[in-house]
Protein backbone atom coordinates (compact mmCIF):
# COMPACT_ATOMS: atom_id res chain seq x y z
CA MET A 1 21.00 -0.19 -7.14
CA SER A 2 23.83 -2.23 -5.72
CA GLN A 3 23.55 -5.21 -3.44
CA ASP A 4 24.97 -3.02 -0.63
CA ASP A 5 22.02 -0.61 -0.88
CA ARG A 6 19.44 -3.30 -0.25
CA HIS A 7 18.00 -4.22 3.14
CA ARG A 8 16.22 -7.35 4.35
CA ILE A 9 13.22 -6.53 6.49
CA THR A 10 10.92 -9.10 8.07
CA VAL A 11 7.23 -8.19 8.35
CA ASP A 12 4.01 -9.96 9.28
CA ILE A 13 0.99 -9.67 7.03
CA HIS A 14 -2.19 -11.64 7.68
CA ASN A 15 -0.46 -13.92 10.18
CA LYS A 16 2.33 -14.83 7.77
CA THR A 17 5.95 -13.69 7.87
CA TYR A 18 7.53 -12.17 4.77
CA THR A 19 11.05 -10.94 4.10
CA ILE A 20 11.08 -7.79 1.99
CA ILE A 21 14.30 -6.96 0.18
CA GLY A 22 14.73 -3.44 -1.12
CA THR A 23 16.25 0.00 -0.73
CA GLU A 24 13.46 1.65 1.26
CA ARG A 25 13.97 2.54 4.91
CA GLU A 26 12.90 -0.11 7.39
CA SER A 27 10.30 2.21 8.94
CA HIS A 28 8.71 2.78 5.52
CA VAL A 29 8.54 -0.94 4.69
CA LYS A 30 7.04 -1.73 8.09
CA LEU A 31 4.44 1.03 7.64
CA VAL A 32 3.47 -0.31 4.22
CA ALA A 33 3.22 -3.86 5.57
CA SER A 34 1.11 -2.64 8.48
CA LEU A 35 -1.29 -0.84 6.14
CA VAL A 36 -1.62 -3.94 3.94
CA ASP A 37 -2.26 -6.07 7.02
CA GLN A 38 -4.88 -3.57 8.24
CA LYS A 39 -6.67 -3.53 4.86
CA MET A 40 -6.67 -7.35 4.75
CA LYS A 41 -8.19 -7.47 8.24
CA GLU A 42 -10.91 -4.99 7.21
CA ILE A 43 -11.87 -7.07 4.17
CA HIS A 44 -11.60 -10.36 6.09
CA ASN A 45 -13.93 -9.01 8.80
CA VAL A 46 -16.59 -8.34 6.14
CA ASN A 47 -16.21 -11.75 4.48
CA LYS A 48 -14.54 -14.40 6.63
CA GLN A 49 -15.11 -17.05 3.95
CA LEU A 50 -12.43 -15.67 1.61
CA ASP A 51 -9.33 -17.78 1.11
CA THR A 52 -5.97 -16.03 1.31
CA THR A 53 -5.57 -15.66 -2.45
CA ARG A 54 -8.97 -14.01 -2.93
CA LEU A 55 -8.38 -11.86 0.13
CA ALA A 56 -5.03 -10.71 -1.27
CA VAL A 57 -6.55 -9.90 -4.68
CA LEU A 58 -9.43 -7.95 -3.13
CA THR A 59 -6.93 -6.09 -0.95
CA ALA A 60 -4.88 -5.20 -4.04
CA VAL A 61 -8.00 -4.06 -5.94
CA ASN A 62 -9.20 -1.93 -3.00
CA THR A 63 -5.73 -0.44 -2.51
CA MET A 64 -5.35 0.40 -6.20
CA ASN A 65 -8.82 1.97 -6.19
CA ASP A 66 -7.83 4.16 -3.23
CA TYR A 67 -4.57 5.08 -4.99
CA LEU A 68 -6.32 6.09 -8.23
CA LYS A 69 -8.85 8.22 -6.34
CA LEU A 70 -6.02 10.00 -4.51
CA LYS A 71 -4.13 10.47 -7.78
CA GLU A 72 -7.23 12.05 -9.38
CA ASP A 73 -7.75 14.28 -6.33
CA TYR A 74 -4.10 15.34 -6.50
CA ALA A 75 -4.37 16.16 -10.20
CA THR A 76 -7.51 18.22 -9.56
CA LEU A 77 -5.85 20.04 -6.68
CA LEU A 78 -2.73 20.70 -8.74
CA GLY A 79 -4.86 22.01 -11.60
CA SER A 80 -6.68 24.37 -9.22
CA PHE A 81 -3.38 25.54 -7.79
CA ASN A 82 -1.91 26.18 -11.24
CA LYS A 83 -5.00 28.17 -12.29
CA LYS A 84 -4.68 30.39 -9.21
CA GLU A 85 -0.96 30.84 -9.86
CA ASP A 86 -1.60 31.93 -13.47
CA LYS A 87 -3.91 34.74 -12.39
């Protein structure tokens, strides 16, 4: 990855502005930031007492949990598909 391939994209997450530097398309980065912001709002609405650090950690834990469940579902689906293909 060269310096020329990288983009600087400004996003807002939980009322703070962040500059993301990377090679992903701007629309993708903004979507990811929006989803993180949405998840933080969901968790904050349940427990308004959380400080930003705890809120960020709980958001990361919830997001990783969702990711692992989807990964397991995908593996199960792929296994079912491969079994049908072998028949």
